[in-house]
N, C-alpha and C. Protein backbone atom coordinates (compact mmCIF):
# COMPACT_ATOMS: atom_id res chain seq x y z
N MET A 1 -19.13 10.61 92.12
CA MET A 1 -19.77 11.83 92.61
C MET A 1 -21.14 11.47 93.16
N LEU A 2 -21.41 11.96 94.34
CA LEU A 2 -22.67 11.64 94.97
C LEU A 2 -23.83 12.21 94.17
N ALA A 3 -24.83 11.35 93.95
CA ALA A 3 -26.02 11.82 93.29
C ALA A 3 -26.85 12.62 94.23
N ALA A 4 -27.68 13.49 93.65
CA ALA A 4 -28.54 14.31 94.49
C ALA A 4 -29.53 13.46 95.25
N ALA A 5 -29.99 12.40 94.63
CA ALA A 5 -30.87 11.46 95.30
C ALA A 5 -30.66 10.10 94.68
N ALA A 6 -30.56 9.09 95.51
CA ALA A 6 -30.18 7.77 95.02
C ALA A 6 -31.13 7.26 93.95
N CYS A 7 -32.41 7.41 94.17
CA CYS A 7 -33.38 6.85 93.24
C CYS A 7 -33.37 7.58 91.91
N MET A 8 -33.07 8.85 91.91
CA MET A 8 -33.11 9.62 90.68
C MET A 8 -32.03 9.15 89.71
N ALA A 9 -30.90 8.72 90.23
CA ALA A 9 -29.80 8.30 89.37
C ALA A 9 -29.64 6.80 89.34
N ALA A 10 -30.58 6.07 89.91
CA ALA A 10 -30.44 4.62 90.00
C ALA A 10 -30.57 3.97 88.63
N PRO A 11 -29.84 2.86 88.40
CA PRO A 11 -30.01 2.11 87.16
C PRO A 11 -31.36 1.41 87.14
N ALA A 12 -31.74 0.95 85.98
CA ALA A 12 -32.99 0.20 85.88
C ALA A 12 -32.91 -1.03 86.77
N LEU A 13 -33.95 -1.29 87.56
CA LEU A 13 -33.93 -2.39 88.51
C LEU A 13 -34.31 -3.69 87.82
N ALA A 14 -33.45 -4.70 88.03
CA ALA A 14 -33.75 -6.01 87.46
C ALA A 14 -34.59 -6.84 88.43
N ALA A 15 -34.71 -6.40 89.69
CA ALA A 15 -35.48 -7.12 90.69
C ALA A 15 -36.23 -6.10 91.53
N ASP A 16 -37.14 -6.61 92.39
CA ASP A 16 -37.92 -5.72 93.23
C ASP A 16 -37.04 -4.99 94.24
N LEU A 17 -35.96 -5.62 94.69
CA LEU A 17 -35.09 -5.04 95.71
C LEU A 17 -33.64 -5.19 95.29
N ALA A 18 -32.90 -4.11 95.40
CA ALA A 18 -31.48 -4.14 95.05
C ALA A 18 -30.75 -3.14 95.94
N GLY A 19 -29.44 -3.23 95.96
CA GLY A 19 -28.68 -2.33 96.81
C GLY A 19 -27.23 -2.24 96.40
N THR A 20 -26.53 -1.28 97.00
CA THR A 20 -25.12 -1.04 96.74
C THR A 20 -24.45 -0.57 98.03
N VAL A 21 -23.26 -1.08 98.29
CA VAL A 21 -22.41 -0.54 99.35
C VAL A 21 -21.10 -0.13 98.69
N ALA A 22 -20.49 0.95 99.18
CA ALA A 22 -19.30 1.48 98.52
C ALA A 22 -18.39 2.17 99.53
N LEU A 23 -17.12 2.23 99.18
CA LEU A 23 -16.12 2.99 99.92
C LEU A 23 -15.51 3.99 98.96
N SER A 24 -15.63 5.29 99.27
CA SER A 24 -15.12 6.35 98.41
C SER A 24 -14.08 7.18 99.14
N SER A 25 -13.18 7.77 98.38
CA SER A 25 -12.13 8.57 98.98
C SER A 25 -12.64 9.88 99.56
N GLN A 26 -13.78 10.38 99.07
CA GLN A 26 -14.40 11.61 99.59
C GLN A 26 -15.86 11.64 99.17
N LEU A 27 -16.67 12.35 99.94
CA LEU A 27 -18.08 12.50 99.60
C LEU A 27 -18.27 13.86 98.92
N ILE A 28 -18.73 13.84 97.67
CA ILE A 28 -18.85 15.05 96.85
C ILE A 28 -20.24 15.09 96.24
N ASP A 29 -20.87 16.25 96.28
CA ASP A 29 -22.19 16.44 95.70
C ASP A 29 -22.15 17.63 94.76
N ARG A 30 -22.26 17.37 93.47
CA ARG A 30 -22.25 18.43 92.46
C ARG A 30 -21.05 19.37 92.63
N GLY A 31 -19.88 18.76 92.77
CA GLY A 31 -18.65 19.53 92.86
C GLY A 31 -18.36 20.12 94.22
N VAL A 32 -19.24 19.91 95.21
CA VAL A 32 -19.06 20.48 96.55
C VAL A 32 -18.76 19.35 97.53
N ALA A 33 -17.66 19.48 98.26
CA ALA A 33 -17.27 18.47 99.24
C ALA A 33 -18.14 18.57 100.48
N ILE A 34 -18.59 17.43 101.00
CA ILE A 34 -19.37 17.41 102.23
C ILE A 34 -18.44 17.34 103.44
N ALA A 35 -17.30 16.66 103.29
CA ALA A 35 -16.39 16.44 104.41
C ALA A 35 -14.96 16.36 103.87
N PRO A 36 -13.95 16.36 104.76
CA PRO A 36 -12.56 16.25 104.31
C PRO A 36 -12.29 14.94 103.58
N ARG A 37 -11.07 14.80 103.09
CA ARG A 37 -10.69 13.62 102.31
C ARG A 37 -10.29 12.46 103.21
N SER A 38 -11.21 12.08 104.10
CA SER A 38 -10.94 11.00 105.04
C SER A 38 -11.62 9.70 104.66
N GLY A 39 -12.31 9.69 103.54
CA GLY A 39 -13.01 8.49 103.09
C GLY A 39 -14.45 8.47 103.57
N ALA A 40 -15.31 7.84 102.79
CA ALA A 40 -16.73 7.76 103.14
C ALA A 40 -17.26 6.37 102.79
N ILE A 41 -18.04 5.81 103.70
CA ILE A 41 -18.73 4.54 103.49
C ILE A 41 -20.16 4.85 103.09
N GLN A 42 -20.59 4.35 101.93
CA GLN A 42 -21.91 4.68 101.41
C GLN A 42 -22.74 3.42 101.20
N GLY A 43 -24.03 3.58 101.33
CA GLY A 43 -24.95 2.48 101.09
C GLY A 43 -26.26 2.99 100.52
N ALA A 44 -26.89 2.20 99.66
CA ALA A 44 -28.17 2.59 99.07
C ALA A 44 -29.02 1.35 98.84
N LEU A 45 -30.32 1.48 99.06
CA LEU A 45 -31.29 0.42 98.80
C LEU A 45 -32.33 0.94 97.82
N TYR A 46 -32.70 0.11 96.84
CA TYR A 46 -33.69 0.46 95.82
C TYR A 46 -34.80 -0.58 95.86
N TRP A 47 -36.03 -0.13 95.84
CA TRP A 47 -37.18 -1.02 95.88
C TRP A 47 -38.17 -0.60 94.81
N ALA A 48 -38.64 -1.56 94.02
CA ALA A 48 -39.63 -1.30 92.97
C ALA A 48 -40.95 -1.94 93.40
N PRO A 49 -41.83 -1.19 94.08
CA PRO A 49 -43.08 -1.77 94.58
C PRO A 49 -44.11 -2.04 93.49
N ALA A 50 -43.98 -1.37 92.35
CA ALA A 50 -44.92 -1.54 91.24
C ALA A 50 -44.21 -1.19 89.94
N ARG A 51 -44.83 -1.56 88.85
CA ARG A 51 -44.24 -1.29 87.55
C ARG A 51 -43.99 0.21 87.37
N ASP A 52 -42.75 0.55 86.98
CA ASP A 52 -42.33 1.91 86.68
C ASP A 52 -42.19 2.81 87.91
N TRP A 53 -42.39 2.28 89.12
CA TRP A 53 -42.21 3.04 90.34
C TRP A 53 -41.00 2.52 91.11
N SER A 54 -40.26 3.41 91.77
CA SER A 54 -39.13 2.99 92.58
C SER A 54 -38.97 3.90 93.79
N LEU A 55 -38.56 3.30 94.88
CA LEU A 55 -38.25 4.01 96.12
C LEU A 55 -36.79 3.74 96.47
N SER A 56 -36.15 4.69 97.13
CA SER A 56 -34.75 4.48 97.50
C SER A 56 -34.44 5.17 98.81
N ALA A 57 -33.42 4.65 99.47
CA ALA A 57 -32.87 5.26 100.67
C ALA A 57 -31.36 5.12 100.60
N SER A 58 -30.65 6.16 100.96
CA SER A 58 -29.19 6.11 100.93
C SER A 58 -28.62 6.82 102.15
N ALA A 59 -27.39 6.46 102.50
CA ALA A 59 -26.71 7.08 103.63
C ALA A 59 -25.22 6.98 103.41
N ALA A 60 -24.48 7.88 104.05
CA ALA A 60 -23.02 7.87 103.97
C ALA A 60 -22.45 8.20 105.34
N LEU A 61 -21.38 7.49 105.70
CA LEU A 61 -20.69 7.69 106.98
C LEU A 61 -19.25 8.06 106.73
N ASP A 62 -18.71 8.90 107.60
CA ASP A 62 -17.29 9.19 107.58
C ASP A 62 -16.53 7.90 107.92
N ALA A 63 -15.52 7.58 107.14
CA ALA A 63 -14.76 6.34 107.36
C ALA A 63 -13.79 6.45 108.53
N GLY A 64 -13.70 7.61 109.15
CA GLY A 64 -12.81 7.79 110.29
C GLY A 64 -13.33 7.10 111.54
N SER A 65 -12.66 7.28 112.65
CA SER A 65 -13.05 6.66 113.91
C SER A 65 -13.26 7.76 114.95
N PRO A 66 -14.45 7.84 115.57
CA PRO A 66 -15.61 6.99 115.29
C PRO A 66 -16.33 7.46 114.04
N PRO A 67 -17.08 6.58 113.36
CA PRO A 67 -17.80 6.98 112.15
C PRO A 67 -18.89 7.99 112.49
N ARG A 68 -19.16 8.90 111.56
CA ARG A 68 -20.16 9.94 111.76
C ARG A 68 -21.00 10.07 110.50
N LEU A 69 -22.30 10.28 110.68
CA LEU A 69 -23.21 10.40 109.55
C LEU A 69 -22.89 11.65 108.74
N LEU A 70 -22.76 11.48 107.42
CA LEU A 70 -22.49 12.59 106.52
C LEU A 70 -23.68 12.95 105.64
N GLN A 71 -24.50 11.96 105.32
CA GLN A 71 -25.60 12.19 104.38
C GLN A 71 -26.65 11.12 104.53
N SER A 72 -27.91 11.50 104.34
CA SER A 72 -29.01 10.53 104.25
C SER A 72 -30.04 11.08 103.28
N SER A 73 -30.73 10.19 102.57
CA SER A 73 -31.67 10.64 101.54
C SER A 73 -32.75 9.59 101.34
N PHE A 74 -33.96 10.09 101.08
CA PHE A 74 -35.09 9.23 100.73
C PHE A 74 -35.73 9.81 99.47
N ALA A 75 -36.10 8.93 98.52
CA ALA A 75 -36.60 9.43 97.24
C ALA A 75 -37.63 8.47 96.65
N VAL A 76 -38.48 9.02 95.80
CA VAL A 76 -39.45 8.26 95.04
C VAL A 76 -39.37 8.72 93.59
N ALA A 77 -39.50 7.79 92.65
CA ALA A 77 -39.39 8.14 91.23
C ALA A 77 -40.39 7.33 90.41
N ARG A 78 -40.76 7.91 89.28
CA ARG A 78 -41.69 7.27 88.34
C ARG A 78 -41.11 7.36 86.95
N ASP A 79 -41.11 6.23 86.21
CA ASP A 79 -40.59 6.17 84.85
C ASP A 79 -41.72 6.04 83.84
N TRP A 80 -41.50 6.63 82.66
CA TRP A 80 -42.40 6.46 81.52
C TRP A 80 -41.56 6.06 80.31
N THR A 81 -42.01 5.06 79.58
CA THR A 81 -41.32 4.63 78.37
C THR A 81 -41.77 5.48 77.19
N LEU A 82 -40.81 6.15 76.56
CA LEU A 82 -41.12 7.00 75.41
C LEU A 82 -40.92 6.25 74.09
N ALA A 83 -39.92 5.38 74.05
CA ALA A 83 -39.60 4.57 72.87
C ALA A 83 -38.79 3.38 73.37
N ASP A 84 -38.34 2.53 72.47
CA ASP A 84 -37.62 1.33 72.88
C ASP A 84 -36.41 1.67 73.73
N ASP A 85 -35.70 2.74 73.41
CA ASP A 85 -34.45 3.07 74.11
C ASP A 85 -34.54 4.31 74.98
N TRP A 86 -35.69 4.96 75.01
CA TRP A 86 -35.80 6.24 75.71
C TRP A 86 -36.82 6.16 76.84
N ARG A 87 -36.46 6.78 77.98
CA ARG A 87 -37.36 6.83 79.13
C ARG A 87 -37.36 8.26 79.71
N LEU A 88 -38.46 8.59 80.34
CA LEU A 88 -38.58 9.83 81.11
C LEU A 88 -38.76 9.46 82.57
N ARG A 89 -38.01 10.11 83.44
CA ARG A 89 -38.09 9.82 84.88
C ARG A 89 -38.34 11.12 85.64
N ALA A 90 -39.30 11.09 86.56
CA ALA A 90 -39.55 12.22 87.45
C ALA A 90 -39.44 11.73 88.89
N GLY A 91 -38.86 12.53 89.75
CA GLY A 91 -38.65 12.09 91.12
C GLY A 91 -38.68 13.22 92.12
N LEU A 92 -38.93 12.83 93.38
CA LEU A 92 -38.89 13.74 94.52
C LEU A 92 -37.93 13.16 95.55
N ALA A 93 -37.19 14.03 96.23
CA ALA A 93 -36.24 13.54 97.23
C ALA A 93 -36.14 14.52 98.39
N ARG A 94 -35.90 13.97 99.56
CA ARG A 94 -35.59 14.76 100.74
C ARG A 94 -34.26 14.25 101.29
N SER A 95 -33.30 15.15 101.43
CA SER A 95 -31.94 14.76 101.82
C SER A 95 -31.46 15.60 102.99
N ARG A 96 -30.54 15.02 103.76
CA ARG A 96 -29.84 15.72 104.81
C ARG A 96 -28.34 15.59 104.58
N TYR A 97 -27.63 16.69 104.71
CA TYR A 97 -26.18 16.70 104.57
C TYR A 97 -25.57 17.31 105.84
N TYR A 98 -24.47 16.73 106.28
CA TYR A 98 -23.78 17.20 107.48
C TYR A 98 -22.41 17.70 107.05
N TYR A 99 -22.33 18.99 106.73
CA TYR A 99 -21.09 19.59 106.25
C TYR A 99 -20.09 19.73 107.39
N THR A 100 -18.84 19.35 107.12
CA THR A 100 -17.79 19.43 108.12
C THR A 100 -16.87 20.60 107.82
N GLY A 101 -16.65 21.45 108.82
CA GLY A 101 -15.73 22.57 108.70
C GLY A 101 -14.52 22.37 109.59
N GLY A 102 -13.89 23.45 110.00
CA GLY A 102 -12.72 23.34 110.85
C GLY A 102 -13.09 23.03 112.30
N ARG A 103 -12.09 22.57 113.05
CA ARG A 103 -12.22 22.30 114.48
C ARG A 103 -13.33 21.29 114.79
N ASP A 104 -13.48 20.30 113.93
CA ASP A 104 -14.44 19.21 114.14
C ASP A 104 -15.88 19.72 114.30
N ARG A 105 -16.20 20.83 113.68
CA ARG A 105 -17.56 21.34 113.72
C ARG A 105 -18.31 20.89 112.48
N TRP A 106 -19.65 20.75 112.60
CA TRP A 106 -20.45 20.34 111.47
C TRP A 106 -21.80 21.06 111.52
N TRP A 107 -22.44 21.15 110.33
CA TRP A 107 -23.70 21.85 110.18
C TRP A 107 -24.64 20.99 109.34
N ARG A 108 -25.89 20.86 109.81
CA ARG A 108 -26.87 20.04 109.10
C ARG A 108 -27.66 20.90 108.13
N VAL A 109 -27.82 20.39 106.92
CA VAL A 109 -28.60 21.05 105.88
C VAL A 109 -29.65 20.06 105.36
N GLU A 110 -30.89 20.49 105.28
CA GLU A 110 -31.97 19.67 104.72
C GLU A 110 -32.38 20.24 103.36
N ARG A 111 -32.52 19.36 102.39
CA ARG A 111 -32.82 19.80 101.02
C ARG A 111 -33.98 19.00 100.45
N ASN A 112 -34.96 19.71 99.90
CA ASN A 112 -36.04 19.09 99.15
C ASN A 112 -35.81 19.35 97.67
N GLU A 113 -36.02 18.32 96.85
CA GLU A 113 -35.66 18.44 95.44
C GLU A 113 -36.65 17.70 94.56
N VAL A 114 -36.95 18.29 93.40
CA VAL A 114 -37.73 17.64 92.36
C VAL A 114 -36.86 17.59 91.10
N GLN A 115 -36.92 16.46 90.38
CA GLN A 115 -36.03 16.28 89.24
C GLN A 115 -36.77 15.59 88.10
N ALA A 116 -36.47 15.99 86.88
CA ALA A 116 -36.97 15.34 85.67
C ALA A 116 -35.77 14.96 84.81
N SER A 117 -35.75 13.71 84.34
CA SER A 117 -34.60 13.21 83.58
C SER A 117 -35.06 12.53 82.30
N LEU A 118 -34.30 12.73 81.26
CA LEU A 118 -34.46 12.02 80.00
C LEU A 118 -33.32 11.05 79.87
N LEU A 119 -33.62 9.74 79.72
CA LEU A 119 -32.59 8.71 79.73
C LEU A 119 -32.59 7.93 78.42
N TYR A 120 -31.40 7.67 77.90
CA TYR A 120 -31.22 6.82 76.73
C TYR A 120 -30.52 5.55 77.19
N ARG A 121 -31.26 4.42 77.20
CA ARG A 121 -30.76 3.16 77.75
C ARG A 121 -30.18 3.44 79.13
N ASP A 122 -29.01 2.85 79.44
CA ASP A 122 -28.28 3.19 80.66
C ASP A 122 -27.00 3.93 80.30
N LEU A 123 -27.01 4.61 79.15
CA LEU A 123 -25.81 5.24 78.63
C LEU A 123 -25.79 6.75 78.81
N LEU A 124 -26.94 7.40 78.66
CA LEU A 124 -26.97 8.86 78.62
C LEU A 124 -28.16 9.36 79.41
N SER A 125 -27.95 10.45 80.17
CA SER A 125 -29.06 11.06 80.89
C SER A 125 -28.89 12.57 80.91
N LEU A 126 -30.01 13.26 80.80
CA LEU A 126 -30.06 14.72 80.90
C LEU A 126 -31.10 15.04 81.95
N SER A 127 -30.68 15.74 83.03
CA SER A 127 -31.55 15.96 84.17
C SER A 127 -31.65 17.44 84.51
N LEU A 128 -32.85 17.86 84.86
CA LEU A 128 -33.10 19.21 85.34
C LEU A 128 -33.69 19.09 86.74
N SER A 129 -33.07 19.79 87.71
CA SER A 129 -33.49 19.70 89.10
C SER A 129 -33.83 21.08 89.64
N ALA A 130 -34.77 21.10 90.57
CA ALA A 130 -35.10 22.31 91.32
C ALA A 130 -35.08 21.94 92.80
N ALA A 131 -34.29 22.66 93.60
CA ALA A 131 -34.10 22.30 95.00
C ALA A 131 -34.25 23.53 95.88
N ARG A 132 -34.64 23.29 97.13
CA ARG A 132 -34.75 24.36 98.11
C ARG A 132 -34.28 23.83 99.46
N LEU A 133 -33.41 24.58 100.11
CA LEU A 133 -32.95 24.22 101.44
C LEU A 133 -34.01 24.59 102.47
N HIS A 134 -34.08 23.79 103.54
CA HIS A 134 -35.04 24.06 104.61
C HIS A 134 -34.77 25.44 105.22
N GLY A 135 -35.81 26.23 105.34
CA GLY A 135 -35.68 27.56 105.91
C GLY A 135 -35.30 28.64 104.91
N SER A 136 -35.12 28.27 103.64
CA SER A 136 -34.74 29.24 102.62
C SER A 136 -35.89 29.44 101.64
N GLU A 137 -36.01 30.65 101.12
CA GLU A 137 -37.03 30.94 100.11
C GLU A 137 -36.44 30.92 98.71
N ARG A 138 -35.16 30.60 98.57
CA ARG A 138 -34.50 30.58 97.27
C ARG A 138 -34.55 29.18 96.67
N THR A 139 -35.08 29.06 95.47
CA THR A 139 -35.06 27.80 94.72
C THR A 139 -33.90 27.83 93.75
N THR A 140 -33.08 26.79 93.79
CA THR A 140 -31.92 26.73 92.90
C THR A 140 -32.13 25.62 91.87
N LEU A 141 -31.66 25.89 90.66
CA LEU A 141 -31.79 24.94 89.56
C LEU A 141 -30.44 24.30 89.26
N ALA A 142 -30.48 23.08 88.74
CA ALA A 142 -29.26 22.38 88.32
C ALA A 142 -29.57 21.60 87.05
N LEU A 143 -28.64 21.62 86.11
CA LEU A 143 -28.75 20.89 84.85
C LEU A 143 -27.55 19.97 84.74
N ASP A 144 -27.80 18.66 84.58
CA ASP A 144 -26.73 17.67 84.55
C ASP A 144 -26.82 16.81 83.29
N LEU A 145 -25.69 16.60 82.65
CA LEU A 145 -25.57 15.69 81.51
C LEU A 145 -24.52 14.65 81.85
N THR A 146 -24.88 13.36 81.82
CA THR A 146 -23.95 12.29 82.14
C THR A 146 -23.94 11.25 81.03
N LEU A 147 -22.77 10.67 80.84
CA LEU A 147 -22.57 9.68 79.78
C LEU A 147 -21.72 8.55 80.32
N GLN A 148 -22.11 7.31 80.01
CA GLN A 148 -21.30 6.14 80.31
C GLN A 148 -21.23 5.27 79.08
N ARG A 149 -20.00 4.96 78.64
CA ARG A 149 -19.80 4.23 77.40
C ARG A 149 -18.88 3.04 77.63
N PRO A 150 -19.37 1.80 77.44
CA PRO A 150 -18.48 0.63 77.60
C PRO A 150 -17.40 0.62 76.52
N LEU A 151 -16.16 0.32 76.95
CA LEU A 151 -15.06 0.17 76.02
C LEU A 151 -14.77 -1.31 75.74
N THR A 152 -14.84 -2.11 76.79
CA THR A 152 -14.70 -3.56 76.69
C THR A 152 -15.77 -4.18 77.57
N GLN A 153 -15.69 -5.49 77.74
CA GLN A 153 -16.67 -6.17 78.58
C GLN A 153 -16.60 -5.71 80.02
N ARG A 154 -15.42 -5.30 80.49
CA ARG A 154 -15.23 -4.93 81.89
C ARG A 154 -14.93 -3.46 82.11
N ILE A 155 -14.51 -2.74 81.09
CA ILE A 155 -14.06 -1.35 81.26
C ILE A 155 -15.02 -0.40 80.55
N ALA A 156 -15.33 0.71 81.23
CA ALA A 156 -16.20 1.73 80.66
C ALA A 156 -15.65 3.11 80.99
N VAL A 157 -15.98 4.08 80.16
CA VAL A 157 -15.60 5.47 80.40
C VAL A 157 -16.86 6.24 80.76
N SER A 158 -16.73 7.19 81.69
CA SER A 158 -17.87 7.99 82.10
C SER A 158 -17.48 9.46 82.09
N ALA A 159 -18.46 10.31 81.86
CA ALA A 159 -18.23 11.76 81.84
C ALA A 159 -19.49 12.46 82.29
N GLY A 160 -19.32 13.62 82.90
CA GLY A 160 -20.47 14.39 83.35
C GLY A 160 -20.17 15.87 83.32
N LEU A 161 -21.16 16.65 82.98
CA LEU A 161 -21.07 18.10 83.00
C LEU A 161 -22.32 18.64 83.69
N GLY A 162 -22.15 19.69 84.49
CA GLY A 162 -23.30 20.25 85.17
C GLY A 162 -23.13 21.72 85.49
N VAL A 163 -24.24 22.38 85.68
CA VAL A 163 -24.26 23.77 86.14
C VAL A 163 -25.38 23.88 87.16
N ALA A 164 -25.09 24.55 88.29
CA ALA A 164 -26.06 24.62 89.37
C ALA A 164 -26.07 26.00 90.00
N GLY A 165 -27.21 26.39 90.50
CA GLY A 165 -27.32 27.63 91.23
C GLY A 165 -26.70 27.51 92.61
N ILE A 166 -26.22 28.62 93.14
CA ILE A 166 -25.60 28.64 94.46
C ILE A 166 -26.69 28.80 95.51
N ALA A 167 -26.80 27.83 96.40
CA ALA A 167 -27.82 27.87 97.45
C ALA A 167 -27.37 28.80 98.58
N ARG A 168 -28.33 29.23 99.38
CA ARG A 168 -28.03 30.06 100.55
C ARG A 168 -27.93 29.13 101.76
N TYR A 169 -26.73 29.00 102.33
CA TYR A 169 -26.45 28.00 103.35
C TYR A 169 -26.53 28.51 104.79
N ARG A 170 -27.03 29.73 105.02
CA ARG A 170 -27.10 30.28 106.37
C ARG A 170 -25.72 30.45 107.01
N ASP A 171 -24.72 30.65 106.21
CA ASP A 171 -23.36 30.84 106.75
C ASP A 171 -22.87 32.26 106.50
N GLY A 172 -23.82 33.16 106.26
CA GLY A 172 -23.43 34.55 106.03
C GLY A 172 -23.08 34.86 104.59
N ASN A 173 -23.10 33.85 103.71
CA ASN A 173 -22.76 34.05 102.31
C ASN A 173 -24.05 34.17 101.50
N ASP A 174 -24.34 35.37 101.05
CA ASP A 174 -25.55 35.61 100.27
C ASP A 174 -25.26 35.68 98.77
N ARG A 175 -24.12 35.13 98.36
CA ARG A 175 -23.72 35.19 96.96
C ARG A 175 -24.72 34.43 96.10
N GLU A 176 -25.07 34.99 94.97
CA GLU A 176 -25.97 34.35 94.02
C GLU A 176 -25.21 34.04 92.73
N GLY A 177 -25.88 33.34 91.84
CA GLY A 177 -25.26 33.00 90.57
C GLY A 177 -25.17 31.50 90.39
N TYR A 178 -24.38 31.08 89.41
CA TYR A 178 -24.24 29.67 89.06
C TYR A 178 -22.76 29.29 89.02
N TYR A 179 -22.51 28.00 89.18
CA TYR A 179 -21.15 27.48 89.06
C TYR A 179 -21.18 26.19 88.24
N ARG A 180 -20.04 25.81 87.69
CA ARG A 180 -19.94 24.63 86.84
C ARG A 180 -19.16 23.52 87.55
N TYR A 181 -19.43 22.30 87.16
CA TYR A 181 -18.73 21.14 87.72
C TYR A 181 -18.79 20.01 86.71
N GLY A 182 -18.00 18.97 86.93
CA GLY A 182 -18.01 17.84 86.01
C GLY A 182 -17.02 16.77 86.44
N HIS A 183 -16.98 15.71 85.66
CA HIS A 183 -16.02 14.63 85.94
C HIS A 183 -15.74 13.86 84.66
N LEU A 184 -14.60 13.19 84.66
CA LEU A 184 -14.21 12.28 83.59
C LEU A 184 -13.54 11.09 84.26
N GLY A 185 -13.99 9.87 83.94
CA GLY A 185 -13.45 8.73 84.67
C GLY A 185 -13.51 7.43 83.91
N LEU A 186 -12.88 6.43 84.52
CA LEU A 186 -12.88 5.06 84.03
C LEU A 186 -13.41 4.14 85.12
N SER A 187 -14.09 3.08 84.72
CA SER A 187 -14.58 2.09 85.68
C SER A 187 -14.23 0.70 85.19
N TRP A 188 -13.97 -0.17 86.16
CA TRP A 188 -13.70 -1.59 85.89
C TRP A 188 -14.68 -2.40 86.71
N SER A 189 -15.34 -3.37 86.10
CA SER A 189 -16.32 -4.17 86.81
C SER A 189 -16.11 -5.65 86.55
N ARG A 190 -16.44 -6.43 87.56
CA ARG A 190 -16.40 -7.89 87.44
C ARG A 190 -17.46 -8.46 88.37
N GLY A 191 -18.47 -9.08 87.79
CA GLY A 191 -19.57 -9.58 88.59
C GLY A 191 -20.27 -8.42 89.28
N ASP A 192 -20.41 -8.52 90.60
CA ASP A 192 -21.09 -7.48 91.37
C ASP A 192 -20.13 -6.40 91.86
N TRP A 193 -18.84 -6.51 91.53
CA TRP A 193 -17.84 -5.55 92.00
C TRP A 193 -17.56 -4.51 90.93
N ARG A 194 -17.26 -3.28 91.39
CA ARG A 194 -16.93 -2.21 90.46
C ARG A 194 -15.93 -1.25 91.12
N VAL A 195 -14.97 -0.80 90.32
CA VAL A 195 -13.97 0.17 90.77
C VAL A 195 -14.04 1.38 89.84
N ASP A 196 -14.15 2.58 90.41
CA ASP A 196 -14.22 3.82 89.64
C ASP A 196 -13.09 4.75 90.03
N LEU A 197 -12.51 5.40 89.04
CA LEU A 197 -11.54 6.47 89.27
C LEU A 197 -11.96 7.64 88.41
N GLN A 198 -12.21 8.79 89.06
CA GLN A 198 -12.72 9.96 88.36
C GLN A 198 -11.84 11.17 88.60
N ARG A 199 -11.68 11.97 87.57
CA ARG A 199 -11.05 13.28 87.68
C ARG A 199 -12.18 14.29 87.87
N ILE A 200 -12.18 15.00 89.00
CA ILE A 200 -13.26 15.90 89.37
C ILE A 200 -12.90 17.33 89.01
N HIS A 201 -13.88 18.06 88.47
CA HIS A 201 -13.69 19.48 88.20
C HIS A 201 -14.80 20.26 88.90
N ALA A 202 -14.43 21.30 89.62
CA ALA A 202 -15.39 22.24 90.20
C ALA A 202 -14.92 23.64 89.86
N GLY A 203 -15.81 24.43 89.29
CA GLY A 203 -15.46 25.77 88.88
C GLY A 203 -15.04 26.65 90.05
N ALA A 204 -14.36 27.74 89.73
CA ALA A 204 -13.86 28.64 90.76
C ALA A 204 -14.99 29.22 91.61
N GLY A 205 -16.19 29.27 91.07
CA GLY A 205 -17.31 29.82 91.81
C GLY A 205 -18.05 28.80 92.67
N ALA A 206 -17.57 27.55 92.75
CA ALA A 206 -18.25 26.53 93.54
C ALA A 206 -18.30 26.95 95.01
N PRO A 207 -19.45 26.82 95.67
CA PRO A 207 -19.57 27.25 97.06
C PRO A 207 -18.79 26.35 98.01
N ARG A 208 -18.41 26.91 99.17
CA ARG A 208 -17.77 26.15 100.25
C ARG A 208 -18.52 26.49 101.54
N PRO A 209 -19.66 25.80 101.79
CA PRO A 209 -20.47 26.13 102.97
C PRO A 209 -19.65 26.01 104.25
N TRP A 210 -19.73 27.03 105.09
CA TRP A 210 -19.04 27.05 106.37
C TRP A 210 -17.56 26.73 106.23
N ASN A 211 -16.97 27.17 105.13
CA ASN A 211 -15.55 26.95 104.87
C ASN A 211 -15.20 25.46 104.84
N ALA A 212 -16.12 24.65 104.35
CA ALA A 212 -15.85 23.21 104.20
C ALA A 212 -14.69 23.02 103.23
N PRO A 213 -14.02 21.87 103.27
CA PRO A 213 -12.88 21.63 102.39
C PRO A 213 -13.27 21.61 100.92
N GLN A 214 -12.33 21.88 100.06
CA GLN A 214 -12.57 21.80 98.63
C GLN A 214 -12.64 20.34 98.19
N ALA A 215 -13.31 20.12 97.09
CA ALA A 215 -13.39 18.78 96.54
C ALA A 215 -12.03 18.36 96.01
N SER A 216 -11.65 17.12 96.28
CA SER A 216 -10.40 16.59 95.76
C SER A 216 -10.47 16.49 94.24
N PRO A 217 -9.36 16.72 93.54
CA PRO A 217 -9.39 16.58 92.07
C PRO A 217 -9.53 15.13 91.61
N TRP A 218 -9.31 14.17 92.52
CA TRP A 218 -9.45 12.76 92.17
C TRP A 218 -10.40 12.09 93.14
N LEU A 219 -11.25 11.21 92.63
CA LEU A 219 -12.21 10.47 93.44
C LEU A 219 -12.15 9.00 93.07
N ALA A 220 -11.87 8.15 94.05
CA ALA A 220 -11.80 6.70 93.85
C ALA A 220 -12.91 6.02 94.64
N THR A 221 -13.56 5.02 94.03
CA THR A 221 -14.68 4.33 94.68
C THR A 221 -14.61 2.84 94.39
N LEU A 222 -14.82 2.04 95.43
CA LEU A 222 -14.96 0.59 95.33
C LEU A 222 -16.37 0.25 95.74
N ALA A 223 -17.16 -0.41 94.87
CA ALA A 223 -18.58 -0.66 95.13
C ALA A 223 -18.93 -2.12 94.92
N LEU A 224 -19.91 -2.59 95.71
CA LEU A 224 -20.45 -3.93 95.60
C LEU A 224 -21.95 -3.82 95.50
N SER A 225 -22.54 -4.41 94.45
CA SER A 225 -23.98 -4.40 94.25
C SER A 225 -24.56 -5.75 94.63
N PHE A 226 -25.80 -5.74 95.08
CA PHE A 226 -26.46 -7.00 95.46
C PHE A 226 -27.95 -6.91 95.18
């Protein structure tokens, strides 16, 4: 599932510069599909210019022909050590999403977001986000809980639960309220390679901006880190 901002959900950096490239079956953000189930090529770069600071940039392209930009994001984050295993992270991000509807039409959405996260090692995170779409006066909140637990040296189980406010997308839908989403999955890793398979859940109230497609119940991702 696509993170709201790459840097906010990034793992602890072992070097000043790191990155990831991935191929996913669909691009999904908090239970909302950005484009049809045609596959997405994703990439992210993380840079730590100073202790406890990190910058990131990410982008995603439609895997179809010709490829088309689906998402781009830039973020900055700051970490504080609370105890040996606990950290607090605060971040800011500016993102663009290109939602695809019927008849090969698409709509650009710009989102500014601030997020605070409580992290336990690289296993558990609890995040509270506040976001506003460009041109909108409505601020929407999101609360996310994610867990990743190794089962063996190569296999891990992951789970996530979230609730988010419904943003106003300028598509004539002024519906307010909250919707739920989540995932349950398994991952296999070897060296710099990782394969994820997730079962996706989006509540009945999940928005579909401009009648964009629904999120697939299954999400598969092949990723390479460097």
